[in-house]
Amino acid sequence: MLLRLFQFLSVLPLPLLHAVGAAAGWVVYAASPTYRRRMRDNLQRAGYLNLLPIAIAEAGKSVLELPFIWCARPQRVLRSATLHDWEVAQEALDGSKGTIFLTPHLGCFEIIAQAIASRTPLTALYRPPRKAVLRPLLEQARAREGLSLAPANLAGVRTLLKTLRSGGAIGLLPDQVPGAGEGVWTDFFDRPAYTMTLPAKLQQMSGAPLVLCYAERLPHGRGFALRFVRFEQSLNGTPEQQARTINAAMEALIARCPAQYFWSYNRYKGKPPVRASGVGA
């Protein structure tokens, strides 16, 4: 049923989906105290509370655009994406050590993998949804040509490393909360957040360069501007310091279009050990 609904919505024009999504964003914000509090708290902590009205609308757009991104014909989806600074990615791909693409929950992050996979095979880390009703939709939606999925478990990590060592490209969401024992506590917008260590580990085991990327949502449903940025920092020090370096890079990326970050995401799950509070500041 859900898949059919998404397939029906996917034929609608993107400007209409974004317009409805913006309105729906306000409805959800008004109806859910938990959602409202988390979004306000996260925006305020990052210093972007003045962008709250825009962020509410952008959050709604991010949901209503999913039928288009997941279920529309691939050619139609890719026509909505304009790539900027692709030479940054191509330079990394031309090497022999593989490429690690990192994108936070910023803008239309779901289109990034499809766009990259249209130019080079990509293996993306995939965390199956907890609700079984969503699995057929997500697995079919993300099964696009050139795009492979690696589950977020030991077997999936081995697949990612094997891909890098063969010179291939992988994709990760570094601001996604990892499972227990798979991360460290370090600052994200001046508050300890449980952060994955996988990007740094894969980089050090393979020597693959990191490329930052995000898809900025253009006004009035005009599509998406996909931007690629060099990761120029060194991943030295402890796992906490490495994770903090990547978090800082994500913060700088988010600063480019802060209203489009997924501020309602429960990024600060759990409680850090007292001894780890403030690590990486």
C-alpha atoms as a PDB file:
ATOM      1  CA  MET A   1       0.000   0.000   0.000  1.00  0.00           C
ATOM      2  CA  LEU A   2       2.736   2.470   0.963  1.00  0.00           C
ATOM      3  CA  LEU A   3       4.751   1.628  -2.138  1.00  0.00           C
ATOM      4  CA  ARG A   4       1.733   2.245  -4.356  1.00  0.00           C
ATOM      5  CA  LEU A   5       1.084   5.577  -2.665  1.00  0.00           C
ATOM      6  CA  PHE A   6       4.677   6.651  -3.304  1.00  0.00           C
ATOM      7  CA  GLN A   7       4.441   5.495  -6.915  1.00  0.00           C
ATOM      8  CA  PHE A   8       1.283   7.573  -7.361  1.00  0.00           C
ATOM      9  CA  LEU A   9       2.862  10.662  -5.802  1.00  0.00           C
ATOM     10  CA  SER A  10       6.009  10.242  -7.879  1.00  0.00           C
ATOM     11  CA  VAL A  11       4.232  11.313 -11.064  1.00  0.00           C
ATOM     12  CA  LEU A  12       3.373  14.719  -9.590  1.00  0.00           C
ATOM     13  CA  PRO A  13       5.562  17.723 -10.456  1.00  0.00           C
ATOM     14  CA  LEU A  14       8.372  18.409  -8.012  1.00  0.00           C
ATOM     15  CA  PRO A  15       7.232  22.052  -7.470  1.00  0.00           C
ATOM     16  CA  LEU A  16       3.830  20.769  -6.336  1.00  0.00           C
ATOM     17  CA  LEU A  17       5.375  18.182  -4.007  1.00  0.00           C
ATOM     18  CA  HIS A  18       7.580  20.847  -2.461  1.00  0.00           C
ATOM     19  CA  ALA A  19       4.671  23.256  -2.032  1.00  0.00           C
ATOM     20  CA  VAL A  20       2.559  20.615  -0.300  1.00  0.00           C
ATOM     21  CA  GLY A  21       5.569  19.510   1.719  1.00  0.00           C
ATOM     22  CA  ALA A  22       6.230  23.031   3.009  1.00  0.00           C
ATOM     23  CA  ALA A  23       2.650  23.240   4.268  1.00  0.00           C
ATOM     24  CA  ALA A  24       2.841  19.747   5.759  1.00  0.00           C
ATOM     25  CA  GLY A  25       6.004  20.745   7.603  1.00  0.00           C
ATOM     26  CA  TRP A  26       4.088  23.412   9.489  1.00  0.00           C
ATOM     27  CA  VAL A  27       1.267  20.987  10.296  1.00  0.00           C
ATOM     28  CA  VAL A  28       3.697  18.488  11.828  1.00  0.00           C
ATOM     29  CA  TYR A  29       5.513  21.234  13.724  1.00  0.00           C
ATOM     30  CA  ALA A  30       2.238  22.482  15.219  1.00  0.00           C
ATOM     31  CA  ALA A  31       0.930  19.011  16.049  1.00  0.00           C
ATOM     32  CA  SER A  32       3.968  17.416  17.720  1.00  0.00           C
ATOM     33  CA  PRO A  33       5.463  18.959  20.874  1.00  0.00           C
ATOM     34  CA  THR A  34       8.418  16.537  20.787  1.00  0.00           C
ATOM     35  CA  TYR A  35       9.207  17.350  17.171  1.00  0.00           C
ATOM     36  CA  ARG A  36       8.811  21.071  17.848  1.00  0.00           C
ATOM     37  CA  ARG A  37      11.070  21.031  20.907  1.00  0.00           C
ATOM     38  CA  ARG A  38      13.820  18.994  19.269  1.00  0.00           C
ATOM     39  CA  MET A  39      13.921  21.167  16.164  1.00  0.00           C
ATOM     40  CA  ARG A  40      14.049  24.387  18.165  1.00  0.00           C
ATOM     41  CA  ASP A  41      16.686  23.048  20.565  1.00  0.00           C
ATOM     42  CA  ASN A  42      18.948  21.792  17.775  1.00  0.00           C
ATOM     43  CA  LEU A  43      18.664  25.010  15.789  1.00  0.00           C
ATOM     44  CA  GLN A  44      19.338  27.131  18.853  1.00  0.00           C
ATOM     45  CA  ARG A  45      22.379  25.068  19.863  1.00  0.00           C
ATOM     46  CA  ALA A  46      23.871  25.486  16.401  1.00  0.00           C
ATOM     47  CA  GLY A  47      23.126  29.224  16.309  1.00  0.00           C
ATOM     48  CA  TYR A  48      20.503  29.060  13.572  1.00  0.00           C
ATOM     49  CA  LEU A  49      17.269  29.627  15.497  1.00  0.00           C
ATOM     50  CA  ASN A  50      16.533  32.639  13.291  1.00  0.00           C
ATOM     51  CA  LEU A  51      16.067  30.190  10.408  1.00  0.00           C
ATOM     52  CA  LEU A  52      13.306  28.240  12.190  1.00  0.00           C
ATOM     53  CA  PRO A  53      10.432  29.202   9.820  1.00  0.00           C
ATOM     54  CA  ILE A  54      12.452  28.255   6.752  1.00  0.00           C
ATOM     55  CA  ALA A  55      13.702  25.051   8.397  1.00  0.00           C
ATOM     56  CA  ILE A  56      10.131  23.966   9.183  1.00  0.00           C
ATOM     57  CA  ALA A  57       9.138  24.284   5.530  1.00  0.00           C
ATOM     58  CA  GLU A  58      12.330  22.622   4.279  1.00  0.00           C
ATOM     59  CA  ALA A  59      11.771  19.659   6.610  1.00  0.00           C
ATOM     60  CA  GLY A  60       8.349  19.142   5.061  1.00  0.00           C
ATOM     61  CA  LYS A  61       9.787  19.351   1.554  1.00  0.00           C
ATOM     62  CA  SER A  62      12.372  16.706   2.441  1.00  0.00           C
ATOM     63  CA  VAL A  63       9.581  14.200   3.112  1.00  0.00           C
ATOM     64  CA  LEU A  64       7.261  14.983   0.191  1.00  0.00           C
ATOM     65  CA  GLU A  65      10.119  14.854  -2.321  1.00  0.00           C
ATOM     66  CA  LEU A  66      10.899  11.237  -1.387  1.00  0.00           C
ATOM     67  CA  PRO A  67       8.266   9.684  -3.700  1.00  0.00           C
ATOM     68  CA  PHE A  68       9.854  11.594  -6.580  1.00  0.00           C
ATOM     69  CA  ILE A  69      13.430  10.646  -5.599  1.00  0.00           C
ATOM     70  CA  TRP A  70      12.657   7.004  -4.862  1.00  0.00           C
ATOM     71  CA  CYS A  71       9.955   6.079  -7.353  1.00  0.00           C
ATOM     72  CA  ALA A  72      10.125   8.386 -10.378  1.00  0.00           C
ATOM     73  CA  ARG A  73      11.985   7.193 -13.453  1.00  0.00           C
ATOM     74  CA  PRO A  74      15.747   7.501 -12.894  1.00  0.00           C
ATOM     75  CA  GLN A  75      16.166   9.728 -15.951  1.00  0.00           C
ATOM     76  CA  ARG A  76      13.571  12.169 -14.599  1.00  0.00           C
ATOM     77  CA  VAL A  77      15.183  12.237 -11.170  1.00  0.00           C
ATOM     78  CA  LEU A  78      18.655  12.850 -12.566  1.00  0.00           C
ATOM     79  CA  ARG A  79      17.395  15.683 -14.789  1.00  0.00           C
ATOM     80  CA  SER A  80      16.483  17.542 -11.599  1.00  0.00           C
ATOM     81  CA  ALA A  81      20.097  17.388 -10.361  1.00  0.00           C
ATOM     82  CA  THR A  82      22.826  19.780 -11.491  1.00  0.00           C
ATOM     83  CA  LEU A  83      26.352  18.786 -10.488  1.00  0.00           C
ATOM     84  CA  HIS A  84      28.828  21.436  -9.338  1.00  0.00           C
ATOM     85  CA  ASP A  85      32.569  20.873  -8.858  1.00  0.00           C
ATOM     86  CA  TRP A  86      32.358  17.281 -10.027  1.00  0.00           C
ATOM     87  CA  GLU A  87      36.058  17.538 -10.860  1.00  0.00           C
ATOM     88  CA  VAL A  88      36.724  17.267  -7.116  1.00  0.00           C
ATOM     89  CA  ALA A  89      35.086  13.836  -7.105  1.00  0.00           C
ATOM     90  CA  GLN A  90      36.611  12.810 -10.410  1.00  0.00           C
ATOM     91  CA  GLU A  91      40.110  13.591  -9.146  1.00  0.00           C
ATOM     92  CA  ALA A  92      39.563  11.221  -6.230  1.00  0.00           C
ATOM     93  CA  LEU A  93      38.003   8.569  -8.453  1.00  0.00           C
ATOM     94  CA  ASP A  94      40.938   8.689 -10.836  1.00  0.00           C
ATOM     95  CA  GLY A  95      43.250   7.496  -8.059  1.00  0.00           C
ATOM     96  CA  SER A  96      43.829   3.852  -7.248  1.00  0.00           C
ATOM     97  CA  LYS A  97      42.751   3.788  -3.602  1.00  0.00           C
ATOM     98  CA  GLY A  98      38.990   4.133  -3.917  1.00  0.00           C
ATOM     99  CA  THR A  99      36.858   7.086  -2.824  1.00  0.00           C
ATOM    100  CA  ILE A 100      34.800   7.721   0.321  1.00  0.00           C
ATOM    101  CA  PHE A 101      31.854  10.078  -0.234  1.00  0.00           C
ATOM    102  CA  LEU A 102      30.526  11.676   2.954  1.00  0.00           C
ATOM    103  CA  THR A 103      27.236  13.570   3.076  1.00  0.00           C
ATOM    104  CA  PRO A 104      25.334  14.724   6.164  1.00  0.00           C
ATOM    105  CA  HIS A 105      21.534  14.839   6.446  1.00  0.00           C
ATOM    106  CA  LEU A 106      21.598  18.064   4.455  1.00  0.00           C
ATOM    107  CA  GLY A 107      19.247  19.050   1.665  1.00  0.00           C
ATOM    108  CA  CYS A 108      18.083  16.168  -0.516  1.00  0.00           C
ATOM    109  CA  PHE A 109      20.726  13.706   0.626  1.00  0.00           C
ATOM    110  CA  GLU A 110      18.795  10.804  -0.930  1.00  0.00           C
ATOM    111  CA  ILE A 111      19.574  12.003  -4.468  1.00  0.00           C
ATOM    112  CA  ILE A 112      23.336  12.098  -3.893  1.00  0.00           C
ATOM    113  CA  ALA A 113      23.856   8.345  -4.196  1.00  0.00           C
ATOM    114  CA  GLN A 114      21.802   8.129  -7.387  1.00  0.00           C
ATOM    115  CA  ALA A 115      23.704  10.979  -9.003  1.00  0.00           C
ATOM    116  CA  ILE A 116      27.093   9.514  -8.145  1.00  0.00           C
ATOM    117  CA  ALA A 117      26.004   6.025  -9.228  1.00  0.00           C
ATOM    118  CA  SER A 118      25.005   7.424 -12.626  1.00  0.00           C
ATOM    119  CA  ARG A 119      28.678   8.278 -13.191  1.00  0.00           C
ATOM    120  CA  THR A 120      30.511   5.539 -11.314  1.00  0.00           C
ATOM    121  CA  PRO A 121      29.441   2.404  -9.397  1.00  0.00           C
ATOM    122  CA  LEU A 122      28.751   3.236  -5.756  1.00  0.00           C
ATOM    123  CA  THR A 123      28.266   1.074  -2.679  1.00  0.00           C
ATOM    124  CA  ALA A 124      26.322   2.865   0.051  1.00  0.00           C
ATOM    125  CA  LEU A 125      26.010   1.884   3.690  1.00  0.00           C
ATOM    126  CA  TYR A 126      22.394   1.001   4.399  1.00  0.00           C
ATOM    127  CA  ARG A 127      20.645   0.676   7.750  1.00  0.00           C
ATOM    128  CA  PRO A 128      17.377  -1.263   7.333  1.00  0.00           C
ATOM    129  CA  PRO A 129      14.365   0.535   8.852  1.00  0.00           C
ATOM    130  CA  ARG A 130      12.991  -0.797  12.100  1.00  0.00           C
ATOM    131  CA  LYS A 131       9.433  -0.825  10.769  1.00  0.00           C
ATOM    132  CA  ALA A 132       8.978  -3.824   8.512  1.00  0.00           C
ATOM    133  CA  VAL A 133       6.339  -2.027   6.432  1.00  0.00           C
ATOM    134  CA  LEU A 134       9.009   0.390   5.188  1.00  0.00           C
ATOM    135  CA  ARG A 135      11.556  -2.195   4.083  1.00  0.00           C
ATOM    136  CA  PRO A 136      10.051  -3.169   0.689  1.00  0.00           C
ATOM    137  CA  LEU A 137       9.664   0.515  -0.191  1.00  0.00           C
ATOM    138  CA  LEU A 138      13.202   1.523   0.768  1.00  0.00           C
ATOM    139  CA  GLU A 139      14.926  -1.510  -0.682  1.00  0.00           C
ATOM    140  CA  GLN A 140      13.141  -1.186  -4.029  1.00  0.00           C
ATOM    141  CA  ALA A 141      13.508   2.591  -4.099  1.00  0.00           C
ATOM    142  CA  ARG A 142      17.267   2.492  -3.495  1.00  0.00           C
ATOM    143  CA  ALA A 143      17.908  -0.349  -5.933  1.00  0.00           C
ATOM    144  CA  ARG A 144      19.012   1.867  -8.816  1.00  0.00           C
ATOM    145  CA  GLU A 145      21.466   1.051 -11.606  1.00  0.00           C
ATOM    146  CA  GLY A 146      25.056   1.418 -10.470  1.00  0.00           C
ATOM    147  CA  LEU A 147      24.051   1.601  -6.809  1.00  0.00           C
ATOM    148  CA  SER A 148      24.720  -1.259  -4.397  1.00  0.00           C
ATOM    149  CA  LEU A 149      23.731  -1.389  -0.745  1.00  0.00           C
ATOM    150  CA  ALA A 150      25.869  -2.670   2.116  1.00  0.00           C
ATOM    151  CA  PRO A 151      24.054  -3.447   5.381  1.00  0.00           C
ATOM    152  CA  ALA A 152      25.196  -1.637   8.519  1.00  0.00           C
ATOM    153  CA  ASN A 153      26.831  -4.691  10.081  1.00  0.00           C
ATOM    154  CA  LEU A 154      30.199  -6.451  10.007  1.00  0.00           C
ATOM    155  CA  ALA A 155      29.488  -8.051   6.637  1.00  0.00           C
ATOM    156  CA  GLY A 156      28.573  -4.661   5.209  1.00  0.00           C
ATOM    157  CA  VAL A 157      31.759  -3.066   6.529  1.00  0.00           C
ATOM    158  CA  ARG A 158      33.780  -5.818   4.890  1.00  0.00           C
ATOM    159  CA  THR A 159      31.978  -5.088   1.629  1.00  0.00           C
ATOM    160  CA  LEU A 160      32.842  -1.395   1.908  1.00  0.00           C
ATOM    161  CA  LEU A 161      36.523  -2.124   2.577  1.00  0.00           C
ATOM    162  CA  LYS A 162      36.681  -4.621  -0.276  1.00  0.00           C
ATOM    163  CA  THR A 163      35.145  -2.031  -2.591  1.00  0.00           C
ATOM    164  CA  LEU A 164      37.723   0.580  -1.605  1.00  0.00           C
ATOM    165  CA  ARG A 165      40.647  -1.807  -1.986  1.00  0.00           C
ATOM    166  CA  SER A 166      39.471  -2.595  -5.508  1.00  0.00           C
ATOM    167  CA  GLY A 167      39.460   1.129  -6.333  1.00  0.00           C
ATOM    168  CA  GLY A 168      35.690   1.589  -6.024  1.00  0.00           C
ATOM    169  CA  ALA A 169      33.565   4.266  -4.394  1.00  0.00           C
ATOM    170  CA  ILE A 170      31.471   4.087  -1.237  1.00  0.00           C
ATOM    171  CA  GLY A 171      28.998   6.453   0.426  1.00  0.00           C
ATOM    172  CA  LEU A 172      28.338   7.138   4.115  1.00  0.00           C
ATOM    173  CA  LEU A 173      26.167   9.415   6.256  1.00  0.00           C
ATOM    174  CA  PRO A 174      28.701  10.347   8.963  1.00  0.00           C
ATOM    175  CA  ASP A 175      26.178  12.191  11.141  1.00  0.00           C
ATOM    176  CA  GLN A 176      23.975   9.117  11.494  1.00  0.00           C
ATOM    177  CA  VAL A 177      23.922   7.806  15.070  1.00  0.00           C
ATOM    178  CA  PRO A 178      25.856   4.511  15.086  1.00  0.00           C
ATOM    179  CA  GLY A 179      24.945   1.379  16.972  1.00  0.00           C
ATOM    180  CA  ALA A 180      26.268   0.659  20.446  1.00  0.00           C
ATOM    181  CA  GLY A 181      29.999   0.055  20.408  1.00  0.00           C
ATOM    182  CA  GLU A 182      30.378   1.467  16.873  1.00  0.00           C
ATOM    183  CA  GLY A 183      31.191   5.059  17.784  1.00  0.00           C
ATOM    184  CA  VAL A 184      32.703   7.531  20.212  1.00  0.00           C
ATOM    185  CA  TRP A 185      31.442  10.567  22.079  1.00  0.00           C
ATOM    186  CA  THR A 186      32.647  13.849  20.622  1.00  0.00           C
ATOM    187  CA  ASP A 187      31.206  17.308  20.013  1.00  0.00           C
ATOM    188  CA  PHE A 188      28.749  18.161  17.274  1.00  0.00           C
ATOM    189  CA  PHE A 189      27.671  21.798  17.465  1.00  0.00           C
ATOM    190  CA  ASP A 190      29.187  22.092  20.943  1.00  0.00           C
ATOM    191  CA  ARG A 191      27.325  19.162  22.461  1.00  0.00           C
ATOM    192  CA  PRO A 192      28.617  15.582  22.884  1.00  0.00           C
ATOM    193  CA  ALA A 193      27.062  13.317  20.266  1.00  0.00           C
ATOM    194  CA  TYR A 194      27.675   9.628  19.705  1.00  0.00           C
ATOM    195  CA  THR A 195      29.567   9.647  16.411  1.00  0.00           C
ATOM    196  CA  MET A 196      30.589   6.840  14.074  1.00  0.00           C
ATOM    197  CA  THR A 197      34.277   6.035  13.709  1.00  0.00           C
ATOM    198  CA  LEU A 198      33.810   4.050  10.492  1.00  0.00           C
ATOM    199  CA  PRO A 199      34.792   6.796   7.981  1.00  0.00           C
ATOM    200  CA  ALA A 200      38.174   7.379   9.618  1.00  0.00           C
ATOM    201  CA  LYS A 201      38.825   3.647  10.030  1.00  0.00           C
ATOM    202  CA  LEU A 202      38.055   2.927   6.381  1.00  0.00           C
ATOM    203  CA  GLN A 203      40.210   5.842   5.265  1.00  0.00           C
ATOM    204  CA  GLN A 204      43.174   4.666   7.299  1.00  0.00           C
ATOM    205  CA  MET A 205      42.805   1.024   6.224  1.00  0.00           C
ATOM    206  CA  SER A 206      42.522   1.865   2.528  1.00  0.00           C
ATOM    207  CA  GLY A 207      44.195   5.238   2.047  1.00  0.00           C
ATOM    208  CA  ALA A 208      41.122   6.364   0.094  1.00  0.00           C
ATOM    209  CA  PRO A 209      40.504  10.126  -0.137  1.00  0.00           C
ATOM    210  CA  LEU A 210      37.361  11.601   1.390  1.00  0.00           C
ATOM    211  CA  VAL A 211      35.000  13.774  -0.640  1.00  0.00           C
ATOM    212  CA  LEU A 212      32.243  15.813   1.006  1.00  0.00           C
ATOM    213  CA  CYS A 213      28.986  16.311  -0.853  1.00  0.00           C
ATOM    214  CA  TYR A 214      25.446  17.583  -0.415  1.00  0.00           C
ATOM    215  CA  ALA A 215      22.390  18.373  -2.535  1.00  0.00           C
ATOM    216  CA  GLU A 216      21.002  21.857  -2.003  1.00  0.00           C
ATOM    217  CA  ARG A 217      17.263  22.097  -2.584  1.00  0.00           C
ATOM    218  CA  LEU A 218      16.547  24.921  -5.050  1.00  0.00           C
ATOM    219  CA  PRO A 219      13.589  27.296  -4.544  1.00  0.00           C
ATOM    220  CA  HIS A 220      10.175  26.662  -6.096  1.00  0.00           C
ATOM    221  CA  GLY A 221      10.892  23.024  -6.933  1.00  0.00           C
ATOM    222  CA  ARG A 222      13.511  23.867  -9.563  1.00  0.00           C
ATOM    223  CA  GLY A 223      15.569  20.831  -8.610  1.00  0.00           C
ATOM    224  CA  PHE A 224      18.793  20.284  -6.706  1.00  0.00           C
ATOM    225  CA  ALA A 225      22.332  21.635  -6.859  1.00  0.00           C
ATOM    226  CA  LEU A 226      24.765  18.834  -5.996  1.00  0.00           C
ATOM    227  CA  ARG A 227      28.054  20.150  -4.665  1.00  0.00           C
ATOM    228  CA  PHE A 228      31.338  18.324  -4.082  1.00  0.00           C
ATOM    229  CA  VAL A 229      33.987  19.595  -1.670  1.00  0.00           C
ATOM    230  CA  ARG A 230      37.507  18.394  -0.887  1.00  0.00           C
ATOM    231  CA  PHE A 231      38.162  17.056   2.589  1.00  0.00           C
ATOM    232  CA  GLU A 232      41.487  18.717   3.350  1.00  0.00           C
ATOM    233  CA  GLN A 233      41.928  17.942   7.055  1.00  0.00           C
ATOM    234  CA  SER A 234      44.180  15.199   8.386  1.00  0.00           C
ATOM    235  CA  LEU A 235      42.606  12.350  10.321  1.00  0.00           C
ATOM    236  CA  ASN A 236      45.230  12.086  13.037  1.00  0.00           C
ATOM    237  CA  GLY A 237      45.024  11.408  16.752  1.00  0.00           C
ATOM    238  CA  THR A 238      42.598   9.313  18.756  1.00  0.00           C
ATOM    239  CA  PRO A 239      39.282   7.985  17.409  1.00  0.00           C
ATOM    240  CA  GLU A 240      37.578  10.809  19.325  1.00  0.00           C
ATOM    241  CA  GLN A 241      39.781  13.408  17.654  1.00  0.00           C
ATOM    242  CA  GLN A 242      39.249  11.857  14.227  1.00  0.00           C
ATOM    243  CA  ALA A 243      35.479  11.823  14.713  1.00  0.00           C
ATOM    244  CA  ARG A 244      35.574  15.429  15.905  1.00  0.00           C
ATOM    245  CA  THR A 245      37.487  16.426  12.755  1.00  0.00           C
ATOM    246  CA  ILE A 246      34.797  14.867  10.583  1.00  0.00           C
ATOM    247  CA  ASN A 247      32.037  16.469  12.670  1.00  0.00           C
ATOM    248  CA  ALA A 248      33.702  19.860  12.186  1.00  0.00           C
ATOM    249  CA  ALA A 249      33.742  19.272   8.423  1.00  0.00           C
ATOM    250  CA  MET A 250      30.026  18.431   8.553  1.00  0.00           C
ATOM    251  CA  GLU A 251      29.322  21.615  10.530  1.00  0.00           C
ATOM    252  CA  ALA A 252      31.113  23.665   7.868  1.00  0.00           C
ATOM    253  CA  LEU A 253      29.106  21.952   5.131  1.00  0.00           C
ATOM    254  CA  ILE A 254      25.837  22.567   6.971  1.00  0.00           C
ATOM    255  CA  ALA A 255      26.751  26.256   7.281  1.00  0.00           C
ATOM    256  CA  ARG A 256      26.435  26.535   3.485  1.00  0.00           C
ATOM    257  CA  CYS A 257      22.641  26.048   3.600  1.00  0.00           C
ATOM    258  CA  PRO A 258      21.761  25.594   7.303  1.00  0.00           C
ATOM    259  CA  ALA A 259      17.985  25.786   6.914  1.00  0.00           C
ATOM    260  CA  GLN A 260      18.081  22.535   4.936  1.00  0.00           C
ATOM    261  CA  TYR A 261      19.710  20.385   7.599  1.00  0.00           C
ATOM    262  CA  PHE A 262      17.595  17.649   9.204  1.00  0.00           C
ATOM    263  CA  TRP A 263      17.247  19.518  12.515  1.00  0.00           C
ATOM    264  CA  SER A 264      14.477  17.263  13.810  1.00  0.00           C
ATOM    265  CA  TYR A 265      16.834  14.271  13.744  1.00  0.00           C
ATOM    266  CA  ASN A 266      17.535  12.852  17.199  1.00  0.00           C
ATOM    267  CA  ARG A 267      21.287  13.341  16.844  1.00  0.00           C
ATOM    268  CA  TYR A 268      21.941  13.431  20.595  1.00  0.00           C
ATOM    269  CA  LYS A 269      20.625  10.024  21.607  1.00  0.00           C
ATOM    270  CA  GLY A 270      21.834   8.577  24.887  1.00  0.00           C
ATOM    271  CA  LYS A 271      24.024  10.123  27.541  1.00  0.00           C
ATOM    272  CA  PRO A 272      27.801  10.410  27.303  1.00  0.00           C
ATOM    273  CA  PRO A 273      29.996   9.142  30.133  1.00  0.00           C
ATOM    274  CA  VAL A 274      30.964  11.960  32.444  1.00  0.00           C
ATOM    275  CA  ARG A 275      34.621  11.506  31.584  1.00  0.00           C
ATOM    276  CA  ALA A 276      33.859  11.909  27.847  1.00  0.00           C
ATOM    277  CA  SER A 277      31.838  15.120  28.157  1.00  0.00           C
ATOM    278  CA  GLY A 278      33.306  17.844  25.987  1.00  0.00           C
ATOM    279  CA  VAL A 279      35.809  15.591  24.221  1.00  0.00           C
ATOM    280  CA  GLY A 280      37.054  17.132  21.031  1.00  0.00           C
ATOM    281  CA  ALA A 281      36.147  20.695  21.961  1.00  0.00           C
END
